Amino acid sequence: MFDNKSVLITGGTGSFGKKCVELMLKRYKLRRLIVFSRDELKQYEMQQVFNQPEMRYFLGDVRDLSRLKQAMRDVDYVIHAAALKQVPAAEYNPLEFVKTNINGAENVIQAAIESGVKKVMALSTDKSVNPINLYGATKMVSDKLFIAANNMAGGRVTRFAVTRYGNVIGSRGSVVPYFKKLVAEGAKELPVTDLRMTRFWFTLEEGVDFVLKNFARMQGGETFVPKIPSMRITDLVASFGEDIRPKVIGIRPGEKLHEVMVPADAAHLTLEFHDHYVIKPTINYFEQIDYSVNLLGEKDSPVPDGFEYRSDNNPVFLAVEQLRELNQKC
């Protein structure tokens, strides 16, 4: 669906953006692939790797509506990956997170509708579910803005959906590169916040694949959640060597023991597909949409009352050896 189309990625110089650009250039014959971000150095470095004729690099901030409108001219699809993400930083800099993650989302929505973009996929996080930290709270608001934007678009062509997933192995800010660095420096203990901690865990390429496939699935208003494995923090530490031990340092501000991607309160809205879940919107749209069959013809099955998709009750956990193999790929 991306052949001969123009695609814009906000926050395109981040870990997701770079992998997305790499895979899209390999798989599709794009008309244009636009990287929109505010860091000129990262754009310069990215241009040394991805300099194909269809590539475009736009310096800009999602806080700037007029610049977004310029960047979205004649764009077919938008992937909104731009966000401030560090949990402790959000607790100390709340207004900056509001300006980027909430106001920026509003700007992306308005620019997309006015520019006639066909589909917008906003990236979310497990931290947006029942948030206890400010980062998660801003992403919860962002998610709701994008879901409600389908009503704002009205009879216009633009449709919006959200993709929510968990921790990405080896992404910028991931614990794996940090642990690797400590082990390389001779550390025999790795800092963990709590021995009981679990997290959803998958690779960057899997994340990009899921987002791109959701463009073909989406009708507008869905929150897509992948079925992915979990890991125990103690197993992650063990994957770095038999002689490596965890050192408990205490939970950081705003951090959870476990993550939730489908809350029990949303069970009545949740549809299960073979490799993912879809959470239907809580609001009614001006047009009736049957979410039980997506645009790829995939059909749902119901989830039980009280269903909750959590990192600690996930039926699939990665073993130590599997974690070790994944670490080596980062």
C-alpha atoms as a PDB file:
ATOM      1  CA  MET A   1       0.000   0.000   0.000  1.00  0.00           C
ATOM      2  CA  PHE A   2       3.008   2.301   0.320  1.00  0.00           C
ATOM      3  CA  ASP A   3       4.260   2.029  -3.269  1.00  0.00           C
ATOM      4  CA  ASN A   4       4.231   5.422  -5.012  1.00  0.00           C
ATOM      5  CA  LYS A   5       2.996   7.069  -1.804  1.00  0.00           C
ATOM      6  CA  SER A   6       4.416   9.808   0.395  1.00  0.00           C
ATOM      7  CA  VAL A   7       5.030   8.964   4.050  1.00  0.00           C
ATOM      8  CA  LEU A   8       6.052  11.322   6.866  1.00  0.00           C
ATOM      9  CA  ILE A   9       7.527  10.160  10.184  1.00  0.00           C
ATOM     10  CA  THR A  10       7.529  12.642  13.054  1.00  0.00           C
ATOM     11  CA  GLY A  11      10.442  12.029  15.393  1.00  0.00           C
ATOM     12  CA  GLY A  12      12.000  10.235  12.443  1.00  0.00           C
ATOM     13  CA  THR A  13      15.575  10.342  13.742  1.00  0.00           C
ATOM     14  CA  GLY A  14      14.739   8.233  16.809  1.00  0.00           C
ATOM     15  CA  SER A  15      15.245   4.489  17.124  1.00  0.00           C
ATOM     16  CA  PHE A  16      11.850   3.646  15.634  1.00  0.00           C
ATOM     17  CA  GLY A  17      12.186   6.202  12.838  1.00  0.00           C
ATOM     18  CA  LYS A  18      15.571   4.962  11.677  1.00  0.00           C
ATOM     19  CA  LYS A  19      14.492   1.335  11.595  1.00  0.00           C
ATOM     20  CA  CYS A  20      11.233   2.284   9.877  1.00  0.00           C
ATOM     21  CA  VAL A  21      13.107   4.222   7.183  1.00  0.00           C
ATOM     22  CA  GLU A  22      15.499   1.317   6.665  1.00  0.00           C
ATOM     23  CA  LEU A  23      12.715  -1.238   6.218  1.00  0.00           C
ATOM     24  CA  MET A  24      10.448   0.952   4.086  1.00  0.00           C
ATOM     25  CA  LEU A  25      13.252   1.767   1.662  1.00  0.00           C
ATOM     26  CA  LYS A  26      13.966  -1.959   1.293  1.00  0.00           C
ATOM     27  CA  ARG A  27      10.352  -3.016   0.813  1.00  0.00           C
ATOM     28  CA  TYR A  28       8.564  -0.251  -1.068  1.00  0.00           C
ATOM     29  CA  LYS A  29       8.974   2.072  -4.021  1.00  0.00           C
ATOM     30  CA  LEU A  30       8.035   5.255  -2.222  1.00  0.00           C
ATOM     31  CA  ARG A  31       7.388   8.592  -3.871  1.00  0.00           C
ATOM     32  CA  ARG A  32       8.711  10.428  -0.810  1.00  0.00           C
ATOM     33  CA  LEU A  33       9.791   9.432   2.678  1.00  0.00           C
ATOM     34  CA  ILE A  34       9.970  12.456   4.963  1.00  0.00           C
ATOM     35  CA  VAL A  35      11.870  12.538   8.242  1.00  0.00           C
ATOM     36  CA  PHE A  36      10.493  15.305  10.466  1.00  0.00           C
ATOM     37  CA  SER A  37      12.486  16.066  13.623  1.00  0.00           C
ATOM     38  CA  ARG A  38      14.099  18.923  15.524  1.00  0.00           C
ATOM     39  CA  ASP A  39      17.695  17.656  15.849  1.00  0.00           C
ATOM     40  CA  GLU A  40      19.896  18.840  12.968  1.00  0.00           C
ATOM     41  CA  LEU A  41      22.870  16.686  13.995  1.00  0.00           C
ATOM     42  CA  LYS A  42      20.821  13.498  14.018  1.00  0.00           C
ATOM     43  CA  GLN A  43      19.357  14.416  10.643  1.00  0.00           C
ATOM     44  CA  TYR A  44      22.834  15.054   9.247  1.00  0.00           C
ATOM     45  CA  GLU A  45      24.058  11.687  10.557  1.00  0.00           C
ATOM     46  CA  MET A  46      20.982   9.939   9.170  1.00  0.00           C
ATOM     47  CA  GLN A  47      21.511  11.504   5.740  1.00  0.00           C
ATOM     48  CA  GLN A  48      24.927   9.848   5.556  1.00  0.00           C
ATOM     49  CA  VAL A  49      23.159   6.472   5.735  1.00  0.00           C
ATOM     50  CA  PHE A  50      19.848   7.128   3.975  1.00  0.00           C
ATOM     51  CA  ASN A  51      20.363   9.495   1.045  1.00  0.00           C
ATOM     52  CA  GLN A  52      18.118   7.915  -1.597  1.00  0.00           C
ATOM     53  CA  PRO A  53      16.333  10.284  -4.001  1.00  0.00           C
ATOM     54  CA  GLU A  54      12.969   9.782  -2.284  1.00  0.00           C
ATOM     55  CA  MET A  55      14.315  10.869   1.096  1.00  0.00           C
ATOM     56  CA  ARG A  56      13.419  14.293   2.495  1.00  0.00           C
ATOM     57  CA  TYR A  57      14.574  15.804   5.784  1.00  0.00           C
ATOM     58  CA  PHE A  58      12.495  18.492   7.483  1.00  0.00           C
ATOM     59  CA  LEU A  59      13.808  20.318  10.523  1.00  0.00           C
ATOM     60  CA  GLY A  60      10.858  21.153  12.731  1.00  0.00           C
ATOM     61  CA  ASP A  61       9.102  20.569  16.020  1.00  0.00           C
ATOM     62  CA  VAL A  62       5.628  19.083  16.497  1.00  0.00           C
ATOM     63  CA  ARG A  63       4.962  22.093  18.716  1.00  0.00           C
ATOM     64  CA  ASP A  64       5.025  24.200  15.511  1.00  0.00           C
ATOM     65  CA  LEU A  65       1.728  23.787  13.636  1.00  0.00           C
ATOM     66  CA  SER A  66       2.676  25.867  10.612  1.00  0.00           C
ATOM     67  CA  ARG A  67       5.842  23.838  10.029  1.00  0.00           C
ATOM     68  CA  LEU A  68       3.877  20.603  10.271  1.00  0.00           C
ATOM     69  CA  LYS A  69       1.443  21.867   7.654  1.00  0.00           C
ATOM     70  CA  GLN A  70       4.339  22.631   5.321  1.00  0.00           C
ATOM     71  CA  ALA A  71       5.825  19.178   5.846  1.00  0.00           C
ATOM     72  CA  MET A  72       2.502  17.380   5.247  1.00  0.00           C
ATOM     73  CA  ARG A  73       1.740  18.844   1.825  1.00  0.00           C
ATOM     74  CA  ASP A  74       0.780  15.979  -0.521  1.00  0.00           C
ATOM     75  CA  VAL A  75       1.542  13.385   2.164  1.00  0.00           C
ATOM     76  CA  ASP A  76      -0.527  10.188   2.131  1.00  0.00           C
ATOM     77  CA  TYR A  77       0.418   8.585   5.450  1.00  0.00           C
ATOM     78  CA  VAL A  78       1.826   9.885   8.728  1.00  0.00           C
ATOM     79  CA  ILE A  79       3.518   7.900  11.495  1.00  0.00           C
ATOM     80  CA  HIS A  80       3.578   9.992  14.656  1.00  0.00           C
ATOM     81  CA  ALA A  81       6.586   8.788  16.648  1.00  0.00           C
ATOM     82  CA  ALA A  82       7.734  12.121  18.111  1.00  0.00           C
ATOM     83  CA  ALA A  83       7.521  12.262  21.901  1.00  0.00           C
ATOM     84  CA  LEU A  84       9.411  13.024  25.062  1.00  0.00           C
ATOM     85  CA  LYS A  85       9.691   9.636  26.766  1.00  0.00           C
ATOM     86  CA  GLN A  86      11.971   9.487  29.786  1.00  0.00           C
ATOM     87  CA  VAL A  87       9.858   8.742  32.868  1.00  0.00           C
ATOM     88  CA  PRO A  88      12.029  10.479  35.499  1.00  0.00           C
ATOM     89  CA  ALA A  89      12.575  13.503  33.235  1.00  0.00           C
ATOM     90  CA  ALA A  90       8.812  13.908  32.897  1.00  0.00           C
ATOM     91  CA  GLU A  91       8.388  14.116  36.659  1.00  0.00           C
ATOM     92  CA  TYR A  92      10.827  17.037  36.817  1.00  0.00           C
ATOM     93  CA  ASN A  93       9.852  18.734  33.529  1.00  0.00           C
ATOM     94  CA  PRO A  94       6.082  18.210  33.271  1.00  0.00           C
ATOM     95  CA  LEU A  95       5.211  21.225  31.129  1.00  0.00           C
ATOM     96  CA  GLU A  96       7.746  20.267  28.467  1.00  0.00           C
ATOM     97  CA  PHE A  97       6.137  16.832  28.165  1.00  0.00           C
ATOM     98  CA  VAL A  98       2.685  18.412  27.920  1.00  0.00           C
ATOM     99  CA  LYS A  99       3.854  20.758  25.148  1.00  0.00           C
ATOM    100  CA  THR A 100       5.340  17.954  23.039  1.00  0.00           C
ATOM    101  CA  ASN A 101       3.201  14.914  23.814  1.00  0.00           C
ATOM    102  CA  ILE A 102      -0.217  16.611  24.100  1.00  0.00           C
ATOM    103  CA  ASN A 103      -0.008  19.926  22.261  1.00  0.00           C
ATOM    104  CA  GLY A 104       2.178  18.293  19.631  1.00  0.00           C
ATOM    105  CA  ALA A 105      -0.437  15.574  19.110  1.00  0.00           C
ATOM    106  CA  GLU A 106      -3.103  18.232  18.614  1.00  0.00           C
ATOM    107  CA  ASN A 107      -0.932  19.925  16.002  1.00  0.00           C
ATOM    108  CA  VAL A 108      -0.313  16.675  14.117  1.00  0.00           C
ATOM    109  CA  ILE A 109      -4.062  16.027  14.041  1.00  0.00           C
ATOM    110  CA  GLN A 110      -4.932  19.496  12.765  1.00  0.00           C
ATOM    111  CA  ALA A 111      -2.164  19.531  10.154  1.00  0.00           C
ATOM    112  CA  ALA A 112      -3.133  16.070   8.890  1.00  0.00           C
ATOM    113  CA  ILE A 113      -6.814  16.959   8.493  1.00  0.00           C
ATOM    114  CA  GLU A 114      -6.092  20.261   6.762  1.00  0.00           C
ATOM    115  CA  SER A 115      -3.494  18.637   4.482  1.00  0.00           C
ATOM    116  CA  GLY A 116      -5.763  15.767   3.414  1.00  0.00           C
ATOM    117  CA  VAL A 117      -3.539  13.003   4.796  1.00  0.00           C
ATOM    118  CA  LYS A 118      -5.253   9.636   4.314  1.00  0.00           C
ATOM    119  CA  LYS A 119      -4.143   7.768   7.430  1.00  0.00           C
ATOM    120  CA  VAL A 120      -2.296   8.695  10.624  1.00  0.00           C
ATOM    121  CA  MET A 121      -0.871   6.110  13.009  1.00  0.00           C
ATOM    122  CA  ALA A 122       0.170   7.413  16.430  1.00  0.00           C
ATOM    123  CA  LEU A 123       2.636   5.379  18.477  1.00  0.00           C
ATOM    124  CA  SER A 124       1.669   4.800  22.089  1.00  0.00           C
ATOM    125  CA  THR A 125       3.075   2.961  25.079  1.00  0.00           C
ATOM    126  CA  ASP A 126       2.007   0.549  27.793  1.00  0.00           C
ATOM    127  CA  LYS A 127       2.650   3.405  30.223  1.00  0.00           C
ATOM    128  CA  SER A 128      -0.462   5.173  28.908  1.00  0.00           C
ATOM    129  CA  VAL A 129      -2.660   2.519  30.561  1.00  0.00           C
ATOM    130  CA  ASN A 130      -3.689   3.373  34.132  1.00  0.00           C
ATOM    131  CA  PRO A 131      -0.808   5.868  34.241  1.00  0.00           C
ATOM    132  CA  ILE A 132       0.990   6.609  37.486  1.00  0.00           C
ATOM    133  CA  ASN A 133       3.673   8.811  35.921  1.00  0.00           C
ATOM    134  CA  LEU A 134       3.391  12.033  33.978  1.00  0.00           C
ATOM    135  CA  TYR A 135       4.836  10.573  30.785  1.00  0.00           C
ATOM    136  CA  GLY A 136       2.121   7.904  30.777  1.00  0.00           C
ATOM    137  CA  ALA A 137      -0.542  10.513  31.531  1.00  0.00           C
ATOM    138  CA  THR A 138       0.506  12.658  28.558  1.00  0.00           C
ATOM    139  CA  LYS A 139       0.445   9.627  26.271  1.00  0.00           C
ATOM    140  CA  MET A 140      -2.999   8.657  27.562  1.00  0.00           C
ATOM    141  CA  VAL A 141      -4.269  12.112  26.599  1.00  0.00           C
ATOM    142  CA  SER A 142      -2.489  11.854  23.246  1.00  0.00           C
ATOM    143  CA  ASP A 143      -4.150   8.484  22.556  1.00  0.00           C
ATOM    144  CA  LYS A 144      -7.587   9.913  23.306  1.00  0.00           C
ATOM    145  CA  LEU A 145      -6.929  12.910  21.070  1.00  0.00           C
ATOM    146  CA  PHE A 146      -6.055  10.678  18.121  1.00  0.00           C
ATOM    147  CA  ILE A 147      -9.073   8.419  18.657  1.00  0.00           C
ATOM    148  CA  ALA A 148     -11.427  11.423  18.922  1.00  0.00           C
ATOM    149  CA  ALA A 149      -9.805  13.000  15.857  1.00  0.00           C
ATOM    150  CA  ASN A 150     -11.828  10.675  13.621  1.00  0.00           C
ATOM    151  CA  ASN A 151     -14.910  12.679  14.598  1.00  0.00           C
ATOM    152  CA  MET A 152     -13.021  15.937  14.111  1.00  0.00           C
ATOM    153  CA  ALA A 153     -12.199  14.851  10.564  1.00  0.00           C
ATOM    154  CA  GLY A 154     -15.900  14.307   9.891  1.00  0.00           C
ATOM    155  CA  GLY A 155     -16.519  13.759   6.221  1.00  0.00           C
ATOM    156  CA  ARG A 156     -12.907  14.441   5.285  1.00  0.00           C
ATOM    157  CA  VAL A 157     -10.627  11.631   4.155  1.00  0.00           C
ATOM    158  CA  THR A 158      -8.246  11.523   7.141  1.00  0.00           C
ATOM    159  CA  ARG A 159      -8.484   8.599   9.559  1.00  0.00           C
ATOM    160  CA  PHE A 160      -6.560   8.075  12.787  1.00  0.00           C
ATOM    161  CA  ALA A 161      -5.537   5.032  14.839  1.00  0.00           C
ATOM    162  CA  VAL A 162      -3.109   4.197  17.639  1.00  0.00           C
ATOM    163  CA  THR A 163      -0.537   1.429  18.017  1.00  0.00           C
ATOM    164  CA  ARG A 164       0.431   0.601  21.600  1.00  0.00           C
ATOM    165  CA  TYR A 165       3.323  -1.644  22.557  1.00  0.00           C
ATOM    166  CA  GLY A 166       5.861  -2.279  25.298  1.00  0.00           C
ATOM    167  CA  ASN A 167       9.598  -1.999  25.751  1.00  0.00           C
ATOM    168  CA  VAL A 168      11.714  -2.251  22.619  1.00  0.00           C
ATOM    169  CA  ILE A 169      14.991  -4.137  22.928  1.00  0.00           C
ATOM    170  CA  GLY A 170      18.034  -2.019  22.168  1.00  0.00           C
ATOM    171  CA  SER A 171      16.151   1.200  21.463  1.00  0.00           C
ATOM    172  CA  ARG A 172      17.537   4.500  22.646  1.00  0.00           C
ATOM    173  CA  GLY A 173      17.058   4.564  26.406  1.00  0.00           C
ATOM    174  CA  SER A 174      16.678   0.779  26.641  1.00  0.00           C
ATOM    175  CA  VAL A 175      18.339  -0.936  29.575  1.00  0.00           C
ATOM    176  CA  VAL A 176      20.107  -3.524  27.385  1.00  0.00           C
ATOM    177  CA  PRO A 177      22.818  -1.221  25.948  1.00  0.00           C
ATOM    178  CA  TYR A 178      23.376   0.150  29.451  1.00  0.00           C
ATOM    179  CA  PHE A 179      23.767  -3.337  30.925  1.00  0.00           C
ATOM    180  CA  LYS A 180      26.113  -4.266  28.073  1.00  0.00           C
ATOM    181  CA  LYS A 181      28.282  -1.260  28.836  1.00  0.00           C
ATOM    182  CA  LEU A 182      28.475  -2.123  32.540  1.00  0.00           C
ATOM    183  CA  VAL A 183      29.384  -5.757  31.839  1.00  0.00           C
ATOM    184  CA  ALA A 184      32.049  -4.678  29.341  1.00  0.00           C
ATOM    185  CA  GLU A 185      33.538  -2.473  32.066  1.00  0.00           C
ATOM    186  CA  GLY A 186      33.782  -5.474  34.373  1.00  0.00           C
ATOM    187  CA  ALA A 187      30.668  -5.061  36.494  1.00  0.00           C
ATOM    188  CA  LYS A 188      29.468  -8.155  38.362  1.00  0.00           C
ATOM    189  CA  GLU A 189      26.238  -6.524  39.546  1.00  0.00           C
ATOM    190  CA  LEU A 190      23.566  -4.862  37.415  1.00  0.00           C
ATOM    191  CA  PRO A 191      21.185  -2.276  38.898  1.00  0.00           C
ATOM    192  CA  VAL A 192      17.509  -3.237  38.986  1.00  0.00           C
ATOM    193  CA  THR A 193      14.719  -1.345  40.675  1.00  0.00           C
ATOM    194  CA  ASP A 194      12.808  -4.384  41.993  1.00  0.00           C
ATOM    195  CA  LEU A 195      13.368  -8.137  41.665  1.00  0.00           C
ATOM    196  CA  ARG A 196       9.661  -8.732  40.927  1.00  0.00           C
ATOM    197  CA  MET A 197       9.600  -6.455  37.876  1.00  0.00           C
ATOM    198  CA  THR A 198       8.306  -7.706  34.503  1.00  0.00           C
ATOM    199  CA  ARG A 199       8.060  -6.005  31.131  1.00  0.00           C
ATOM    200  CA  PHE A 200       6.655  -6.643  27.660  1.00  0.00           C
ATOM    201  CA  TRP A 201       9.655  -7.197  25.389  1.00  0.00           C
ATOM    202  CA  PHE A 202      10.163  -7.286  21.632  1.00  0.00           C
ATOM    203  CA  THR A 203      12.487  -6.101  18.887  1.00  0.00           C
ATOM    204  CA  LEU A 204      12.513  -2.847  16.988  1.00  0.00           C
ATOM    205  CA  GLU A 205      11.913  -4.597  13.678  1.00  0.00           C
ATOM    206  CA  GLU A 206       8.885  -6.394  15.116  1.00  0.00           C
ATOM    207  CA  GLY A 207       7.552  -3.023  16.270  1.00  0.00           C
ATOM    208  CA  VAL A 208       7.958  -1.457  12.836  1.00  0.00           C
ATOM    209  CA  ASP A 209       6.394  -4.474  11.117  1.00  0.00           C
ATOM    210  CA  PHE A 210       3.370  -4.267  13.399  1.00  0.00           C
ATOM    211  CA  VAL A 211       2.867  -0.536  12.789  1.00  0.00           C
ATOM    212  CA  LEU A 212       3.137  -0.856   9.009  1.00  0.00           C
ATOM    213  CA  LYS A 213       0.699  -3.770   8.901  1.00  0.00           C
ATOM    214  CA  ASN A 214      -1.771  -1.816  11.006  1.00  0.00           C
ATOM    215  CA  PHE A 215      -2.009   0.805   8.251  1.00  0.00           C
ATOM    216  CA  ALA A 216      -3.497  -1.906   6.033  1.00  0.00           C
ATOM    217  CA  ARG A 217      -5.779  -3.101   8.851  1.00  0.00           C
ATOM    218  CA  MET A 218      -7.084   0.208  10.179  1.00  0.00           C
ATOM    219  CA  GLN A 219     -10.490   1.720   9.544  1.00  0.00           C
ATOM    220  CA  GLY A 220     -10.123   4.540  12.059  1.00  0.00           C
ATOM    221  CA  GLY A 221     -10.451   4.657  15.832  1.00  0.00           C
ATOM    222  CA  GLU A 222      -8.661   1.412  16.723  1.00  0.00           C
ATOM    223  CA  THR A 223      -5.982   0.972  19.343  1.00  0.00           C
ATOM    224  CA  PHE A 224      -3.804  -1.903  18.151  1.00  0.00           C
ATOM    225  CA  VAL A 225      -1.965  -3.999  20.748  1.00  0.00           C
ATOM    226  CA  PRO A 226       0.450  -6.771  19.667  1.00  0.00           C
ATOM    227  CA  LYS A 227       0.671 -10.179  21.293  1.00  0.00           C
ATOM    228  CA  ILE A 228       4.280 -10.155  22.431  1.00  0.00           C
ATOM    229  CA  PRO A 229       6.271 -11.987  25.133  1.00  0.00           C
ATOM    230  CA  SER A 230       7.185 -10.734  28.584  1.00  0.00           C
ATOM    231  CA  MET A 231      10.452 -10.959  30.457  1.00  0.00           C
ATOM    232  CA  ARG A 232      11.448 -10.984  34.122  1.00  0.00           C
ATOM    233  CA  ILE A 233      14.113  -8.468  35.069  1.00  0.00           C
ATOM    234  CA  THR A 234      15.963 -11.176  37.007  1.00  0.00           C
ATOM    235  CA  ASP A 235      16.101 -13.316  33.836  1.00  0.00           C
ATOM    236  CA  LEU A 236      17.413 -10.360  31.865  1.00  0.00           C
ATOM    237  CA  VAL A 237      20.254  -9.931  34.365  1.00  0.00           C
ATOM    238  CA  ALA A 238      21.001 -13.665  34.232  1.00  0.00           C
ATOM    239  CA  SER A 239      21.219 -13.489  30.434  1.00  0.00           C
ATOM    240  CA  PHE A 240      24.412 -11.431  30.745  1.00  0.00           C
ATOM    241  CA  GLY A 241      26.310 -14.236  32.476  1.00  0.00           C
ATOM    242  CA  GLU A 242      26.118 -16.830  35.240  1.00  0.00           C
ATOM    243  CA  ASP A 243      28.357 -14.700  37.455  1.00  0.00           C
ATOM    244  CA  ILE A 244      26.247 -11.528  37.055  1.00  0.00           C
ATOM    245  CA  ARG A 245      23.919 -10.644  39.928  1.00  0.00           C
ATOM    246  CA  PRO A 246      21.149  -8.046  40.317  1.00  0.00           C
ATOM    247  CA  LYS A 247      21.621  -5.116  42.680  1.00  0.00           C
ATOM    248  CA  VAL A 248      18.344  -3.633  43.926  1.00  0.00           C
ATOM    249  CA  ILE A 249      18.382   0.179  43.824  1.00  0.00           C
ATOM    250  CA  GLY A 250      14.684   0.901  44.400  1.00  0.00           C
ATOM    251  CA  ILE A 251      11.859   1.936  42.096  1.00  0.00           C
ATOM    252  CA  ARG A 252      12.399   5.221  40.268  1.00  0.00           C
ATOM    253  CA  PRO A 253       9.861   8.081  40.386  1.00  0.00           C
ATOM    254  CA  GLY A 254       6.762   7.093  38.425  1.00  0.00           C
ATOM    255  CA  GLU A 255       7.891   3.518  37.697  1.00  0.00           C
ATOM    256  CA  LYS A 256       5.595   0.451  37.793  1.00  0.00           C
ATOM    257  CA  LEU A 257       6.369  -3.126  38.803  1.00  0.00           C
ATOM    258  CA  HIS A 258       4.411  -4.509  35.856  1.00  0.00           C
ATOM    259  CA  GLU A 259       2.978  -3.026  32.682  1.00  0.00           C
ATOM    260  CA  VAL A 260      -0.554  -3.284  31.291  1.00  0.00           C
ATOM    261  CA  MET A 261      -1.436  -3.004  27.605  1.00  0.00           C
ATOM    262  CA  VAL A 262      -5.132  -3.926  27.805  1.00  0.00           C
ATOM    263  CA  PRO A 263      -6.773  -2.915  31.108  1.00  0.00           C
ATOM    264  CA  ALA A 264      -9.651  -4.913  32.592  1.00  0.00           C
ATOM    265  CA  ASP A 265     -11.878  -1.841  32.287  1.00  0.00           C
ATOM    266  CA  ALA A 266     -11.503  -2.069  28.500  1.00  0.00           C
ATOM    267  CA  ALA A 267     -12.319  -5.786  28.232  1.00  0.00           C
ATOM    268  CA  HIS A 268     -15.820  -5.049  26.900  1.00  0.00           C
ATOM    269  CA  LEU A 269     -14.222  -3.038  24.082  1.00  0.00           C
ATOM    270  CA  THR A 270     -11.434  -5.508  23.270  1.00  0.00           C
ATOM    271  CA  LEU A 271     -11.349  -7.804  20.250  1.00  0.00           C
ATOM    272  CA  GLU A 272      -8.799 -10.613  19.933  1.00  0.00           C
ATOM    273  CA  PHE A 273      -7.183 -11.439  16.589  1.00  0.00           C
ATOM    274  CA  HIS A 274      -4.608 -14.123  15.867  1.00  0.00           C
ATOM    275  CA  ASP A 275      -1.550 -11.970  16.630  1.00  0.00           C
ATOM    276  CA  HIS A 276      -2.960  -8.829  18.230  1.00  0.00           C
ATOM    277  CA  TYR A 277      -5.795  -7.177  20.125  1.00  0.00           C
ATOM    278  CA  VAL A 278      -7.905  -4.218  19.071  1.00  0.00           C
ATOM    279  CA  ILE A 279      -9.470  -1.864  21.601  1.00  0.00           C
ATOM    280  CA  LYS A 280     -12.504  -0.204  20.080  1.00  0.00           C
ATOM    281  CA  PRO A 281     -13.160   3.496  20.703  1.00  0.00           C
ATOM    282  CA  THR A 282     -15.315   4.428  23.686  1.00  0.00           C
ATOM    283  CA  ILE A 283     -17.131   7.091  21.673  1.00  0.00           C
ATOM    284  CA  ASN A 284     -19.543   6.801  18.771  1.00  0.00           C
ATOM    285  CA  TYR A 285     -18.498   8.091  15.369  1.00  0.00           C
ATOM    286  CA  PHE A 286     -20.666   9.730  12.751  1.00  0.00           C
ATOM    287  CA  GLU A 287     -20.315   6.531  10.713  1.00  0.00           C
ATOM    288  CA  GLN A 288     -20.800   2.970  11.987  1.00  0.00           C
ATOM    289  CA  ILE A 289     -17.677   0.811  11.745  1.00  0.00           C
ATOM    290  CA  ASP A 290     -17.585  -2.971  12.116  1.00  0.00           C
ATOM    291  CA  TYR A 291     -14.281  -3.613  13.884  1.00  0.00           C
ATOM    292  CA  SER A 292     -14.837  -7.385  14.094  1.00  0.00           C
ATOM    293  CA  VAL A 293     -13.397  -7.747  10.576  1.00  0.00           C
ATOM    294  CA  ASN A 294     -10.507  -5.513   9.579  1.00  0.00           C
ATOM    295  CA  LEU A 295      -9.527  -4.355   6.093  1.00  0.00           C
ATOM    296  CA  LEU A 296      -7.264  -7.401   5.668  1.00  0.00           C
ATOM    297  CA  GLY A 297     -10.241  -9.688   6.271  1.00  0.00           C
ATOM    298  CA  GLU A 298      -8.963 -10.854   9.673  1.00  0.00           C
ATOM    299  CA  LYS A 299     -11.785 -11.773  12.060  1.00  0.00           C
ATOM    300  CA  ASP A 300     -11.942 -11.345  15.815  1.00  0.00           C
ATOM    301  CA  SER A 301     -12.873 -13.605  18.692  1.00  0.00           C
ATOM    302  CA  PRO A 302     -14.251 -12.238  21.981  1.00  0.00           C
ATOM    303  CA  VAL A 303     -12.172 -11.863  25.138  1.00  0.00           C
ATOM    304  CA  PRO A 304     -13.693 -12.968  28.470  1.00  0.00           C
ATOM    305  CA  ASP A 305     -15.176 -10.532  30.965  1.00  0.00           C
ATOM    306  CA  GLY A 306     -12.465  -8.996  33.115  1.00  0.00           C
ATOM    307  CA  PHE A 307      -9.739  -9.827  30.607  1.00  0.00           C
ATOM    308  CA  GLU A 308      -6.500  -7.945  31.259  1.00  0.00           C
ATOM    309  CA  TYR A 309      -3.282  -8.127  29.269  1.00  0.00           C
ATOM    310  CA  ARG A 310      -0.428  -7.567  31.723  1.00  0.00           C
ATOM    311  CA  SER A 311       3.281  -8.243  31.599  1.00  0.00           C
ATOM    312  CA  ASP A 312       3.071 -10.469  34.676  1.00  0.00           C
ATOM    313  CA  ASN A 313       0.062 -12.575  33.581  1.00  0.00           C
ATOM    314  CA  ASN A 314       1.223 -12.957  29.990  1.00  0.00           C
ATOM    315  CA  PRO A 315       1.171 -16.660  28.957  1.00  0.00           C
ATOM    316  CA  VAL A 316       4.456 -16.212  27.072  1.00  0.00           C
ATOM    317  CA  PHE A 317       7.723 -15.356  28.860  1.00  0.00           C
ATOM    318  CA  LEU A 318      11.167 -15.259  27.290  1.00  0.00           C
ATOM    319  CA  ALA A 319      13.688 -17.719  28.728  1.00  0.00           C
ATOM    320  CA  VAL A 320      17.187 -16.647  29.764  1.00  0.00           C
ATOM    321  CA  GLU A 321      18.737 -18.153  26.629  1.00  0.00           C
ATOM    322  CA  GLN A 322      16.227 -16.360  24.382  1.00  0.00           C
ATOM    323  CA  LEU A 323      17.044 -13.080  26.121  1.00  0.00           C
ATOM    324  CA  ARG A 324      20.746 -13.732  25.626  1.00  0.00           C
ATOM    325  CA  GLU A 325      20.224 -14.246  21.876  1.00  0.00           C
ATOM    326  CA  LEU A 326      18.218 -11.027  21.626  1.00  0.00           C
ATOM    327  CA  ASN A 327      20.866  -9.089  23.568  1.00  0.00           C
ATOM    328  CA  GLN A 328      23.505 -10.143  21.053  1.00  0.00           C
ATOM    329  CA  LYS A 329      21.488  -8.632  18.198  1.00  0.00           C
ATOM    330  CA  CYS A 330      21.344  -5.181  19.808  1.00  0.00           C
END
